[in-house]
Amino acid sequence: ARLPDAPPGTAGISLFCVPKHQVSDSGEISSEFNNVNIGRIEDKMGCHGSSTCEINFEQAEGYLIGTEHKGLQHMFTFINTSRLGTAMQGVAAAELSFQNALA
């Protein structure tokens, strides 16, 4: 999303956390929903294990994460870190299979 004073293009994207329920100023989670709605679920040719959908955040309250206008850089840092975690899971599964084959 963009802050009001954001520069145009990808340089102006910022990251936000938008909770499902509204959060009070004291940090307590209320039973009232934040205005986050699913627009539609996309039809995909593959990867049916997880749904891909359009999410609408009209009038929803969110919280800035990271540095203003650096959201794209932060997102790529997260993606690269998660790739490492996924690779470690694959190596662990392969090692477990190998160890079980030896037993």
C-alpha atoms as a PDB file:
ATOM      1  CA  ALA A   1       0.000   0.000   0.000  1.00  0.00           C
ATOM      2  CA  ARG A   2       1.013   3.617  -0.255  1.00  0.00           C
ATOM      3  CA  LEU A   3       1.210   6.416   2.274  1.00  0.00           C
ATOM      4  CA  PRO A   4      -0.312   9.760   1.194  1.00  0.00           C
ATOM      5  CA  ASP A   5       3.103  11.330   0.495  1.00  0.00           C
ATOM      6  CA  ALA A   6       4.505   8.286  -1.352  1.00  0.00           C
ATOM      7  CA  PRO A   7       6.530   8.769  -4.533  1.00  0.00           C
ATOM      8  CA  PRO A   8       5.130   7.185  -7.703  1.00  0.00           C
ATOM      9  CA  GLY A   9       6.049   3.687  -8.835  1.00  0.00           C
ATOM     10  CA  THR A  10       7.425   0.857  -6.751  1.00  0.00           C
ATOM     11  CA  ALA A  11       9.600   3.280  -4.762  1.00  0.00           C
ATOM     12  CA  GLY A  12       6.517   4.429  -2.850  1.00  0.00           C
ATOM     13  CA  ILE A  13       5.244   1.055  -1.628  1.00  0.00           C
ATOM     14  CA  SER A  14       5.177   0.501   2.150  1.00  0.00           C
ATOM     15  CA  LEU A  15       4.393  -2.645   4.174  1.00  0.00           C
ATOM     16  CA  PHE A  16       1.437  -2.799   6.537  1.00  0.00           C
ATOM     17  CA  CYS A  17       0.055  -5.336   8.987  1.00  0.00           C
ATOM     18  CA  VAL A  18      -3.750  -5.391   8.801  1.00  0.00           C
ATOM     19  CA  PRO A  19      -5.302  -7.524  11.573  1.00  0.00           C
ATOM     20  CA  LYS A  20      -8.549  -9.451  11.109  1.00  0.00           C
ATOM     21  CA  HIS A  21     -10.026  -7.949  14.292  1.00  0.00           C
ATOM     22  CA  GLN A  22      -9.800  -4.348  15.436  1.00  0.00           C
ATOM     23  CA  VAL A  23      -7.151  -3.554  18.048  1.00  0.00           C
ATOM     24  CA  SER A  24      -7.738  -0.948  20.765  1.00  0.00           C
ATOM     25  CA  ASP A  25      -5.180   1.709  21.715  1.00  0.00           C
ATOM     26  CA  SER A  26      -4.252  -0.397  24.767  1.00  0.00           C
ATOM     27  CA  GLY A  27      -3.389  -3.330  22.475  1.00  0.00           C
ATOM     28  CA  GLU A  28      -6.411  -5.493  23.294  1.00  0.00           C
ATOM     29  CA  ILE A  29      -8.074  -7.363  20.431  1.00  0.00           C
ATOM     30  CA  SER A  30     -11.787  -6.648  20.192  1.00  0.00           C
ATOM     31  CA  SER A  31     -14.502  -8.932  18.833  1.00  0.00           C
ATOM     32  CA  GLU A  32     -15.263  -6.407  16.070  1.00  0.00           C
ATOM     33  CA  PHE A  33     -13.863  -7.248  12.660  1.00  0.00           C
ATOM     34  CA  ASN A  34     -11.561  -4.898  10.796  1.00  0.00           C
ATOM     35  CA  ASN A  35     -12.908  -4.092   7.293  1.00  0.00           C
ATOM     36  CA  VAL A  36     -10.975  -6.865   5.524  1.00  0.00           C
ATOM     37  CA  ASN A  37     -12.974  -8.908   3.019  1.00  0.00           C
ATOM     38  CA  ILE A  38     -12.290 -11.608   0.446  1.00  0.00           C
ATOM     39  CA  GLY A  39     -13.226 -10.326  -3.010  1.00  0.00           C
ATOM     40  CA  ARG A  40     -13.000 -13.562  -4.972  1.00  0.00           C
ATOM     41  CA  ILE A  41     -11.043 -16.786  -5.069  1.00  0.00           C
ATOM     42  CA  GLU A  42      -8.921 -17.163  -8.193  1.00  0.00           C
ATOM     43  CA  ASP A  43      -9.161 -20.217 -10.460  1.00  0.00           C
ATOM     44  CA  LYS A  44      -5.678 -21.659 -10.902  1.00  0.00           C
ATOM     45  CA  MET A  45      -4.227 -24.334 -13.132  1.00  0.00           C
ATOM     46  CA  GLY A  46      -1.886 -25.670 -10.440  1.00  0.00           C
ATOM     47  CA  CYS A  47      -0.922 -25.362  -6.768  1.00  0.00           C
ATOM     48  CA  HIS A  48      -4.352 -26.233  -5.398  1.00  0.00           C
ATOM     49  CA  GLY A  49      -2.974 -26.736  -1.881  1.00  0.00           C
ATOM     50  CA  SER A  50      -3.384 -23.045  -1.067  1.00  0.00           C
ATOM     51  CA  SER A  51      -6.032 -20.635  -2.244  1.00  0.00           C
ATOM     52  CA  THR A  52      -5.163 -17.449  -4.081  1.00  0.00           C
ATOM     53  CA  CYS A  53      -7.687 -14.701  -3.570  1.00  0.00           C
ATOM     54  CA  GLU A  54      -8.343 -10.997  -3.897  1.00  0.00           C
ATOM     55  CA  ILE A  55      -8.379  -9.243  -0.524  1.00  0.00           C
ATOM     56  CA  ASN A  56     -10.146  -5.893  -0.087  1.00  0.00           C
ATOM     57  CA  PHE A  57      -8.926  -3.513   2.619  1.00  0.00           C
ATOM     58  CA  GLU A  58     -11.474  -0.697   2.176  1.00  0.00           C
ATOM     59  CA  GLN A  59     -11.505   1.454   5.346  1.00  0.00           C
ATOM     60  CA  ALA A  60      -9.461  -1.172   7.226  1.00  0.00           C
ATOM     61  CA  GLU A  61      -7.010  -0.061   9.905  1.00  0.00           C
ATOM     62  CA  GLY A  62      -3.413  -1.154   9.377  1.00  0.00           C
ATOM     63  CA  TYR A  63      -0.051  -0.633  11.021  1.00  0.00           C
ATOM     64  CA  LEU A  64       3.138   0.363   9.202  1.00  0.00           C
ATOM     65  CA  ILE A  65       5.862  -2.296   9.268  1.00  0.00           C
ATOM     66  CA  GLY A  66       9.445  -1.315   8.550  1.00  0.00           C
ATOM     67  CA  THR A  67      10.582   1.869   6.844  1.00  0.00           C
ATOM     68  CA  GLU A  68       8.257   4.171   4.898  1.00  0.00           C
ATOM     69  CA  HIS A  69       8.482   3.707   1.119  1.00  0.00           C
ATOM     70  CA  LYS A  70      10.833   0.698   1.489  1.00  0.00           C
ATOM     71  CA  GLY A  71       8.154  -2.014   1.458  1.00  0.00           C
ATOM     72  CA  LEU A  72       9.321  -3.688  -1.739  1.00  0.00           C
ATOM     73  CA  GLN A  73      12.885  -4.043  -0.419  1.00  0.00           C
ATOM     74  CA  HIS A  74      11.565  -5.421   2.890  1.00  0.00           C
ATOM     75  CA  MET A  75       9.330  -7.882   1.037  1.00  0.00           C
ATOM     76  CA  PHE A  76      12.230  -9.219  -1.053  1.00  0.00           C
ATOM     77  CA  THR A  77      14.321  -9.636   2.110  1.00  0.00           C
ATOM     78  CA  PHE A  78      11.487 -11.705   3.601  1.00  0.00           C
ATOM     79  CA  ILE A  79      11.104 -13.776   0.416  1.00  0.00           C
ATOM     80  CA  ASN A  80      14.835 -14.553   0.280  1.00  0.00           C
ATOM     81  CA  THR A  81      14.838 -15.551   3.964  1.00  0.00           C
ATOM     82  CA  SER A  82      11.823 -17.822   3.475  1.00  0.00           C
ATOM     83  CA  ARG A  83      13.533 -19.508   0.501  1.00  0.00           C
ATOM     84  CA  LEU A  84      16.374 -20.493   2.810  1.00  0.00           C
ATOM     85  CA  GLY A  85      13.895 -21.951   5.315  1.00  0.00           C
ATOM     86  CA  THR A  86      12.123 -23.911   2.579  1.00  0.00           C
ATOM     87  CA  ALA A  87      15.456 -25.295   1.348  1.00  0.00           C
ATOM     88  CA  MET A  88      16.374 -26.382   4.885  1.00  0.00           C
ATOM     89  CA  GLN A  89      13.051 -28.230   5.177  1.00  0.00           C
ATOM     90  CA  GLY A  90      13.801 -30.063   1.921  1.00  0.00           C
ATOM     91  CA  VAL A  91      17.276 -31.067   3.115  1.00  0.00           C
ATOM     92  CA  ALA A  92      15.824 -32.248   6.436  1.00  0.00           C
ATOM     93  CA  ALA A  93      13.184 -34.366   4.646  1.00  0.00           C
ATOM     94  CA  ALA A  94      15.841 -35.879   2.372  1.00  0.00           C
ATOM     95  CA  GLU A  95      18.078 -36.657   5.358  1.00  0.00           C
ATOM     96  CA  LEU A  96      15.191 -38.311   7.215  1.00  0.00           C
ATOM     97  CA  SER A  97      14.384 -40.435   4.154  1.00  0.00           C
ATOM     98  CA  PHE A  98      18.028 -41.442   3.822  1.00  0.00           C
ATOM     99  CA  GLN A  99      18.329 -42.339   7.509  1.00  0.00           C
ATOM    100  CA  ASN A 100      15.113 -44.392   7.342  1.00  0.00           C
ATOM    101  CA  ALA A 101      16.396 -46.223   4.252  1.00  0.00           C
ATOM    102  CA  LEU A 102      19.546 -47.233   6.167  1.00  0.00           C
ATOM    103  CA  ALA A 103      17.577 -48.552   9.155  1.00  0.00           C
END
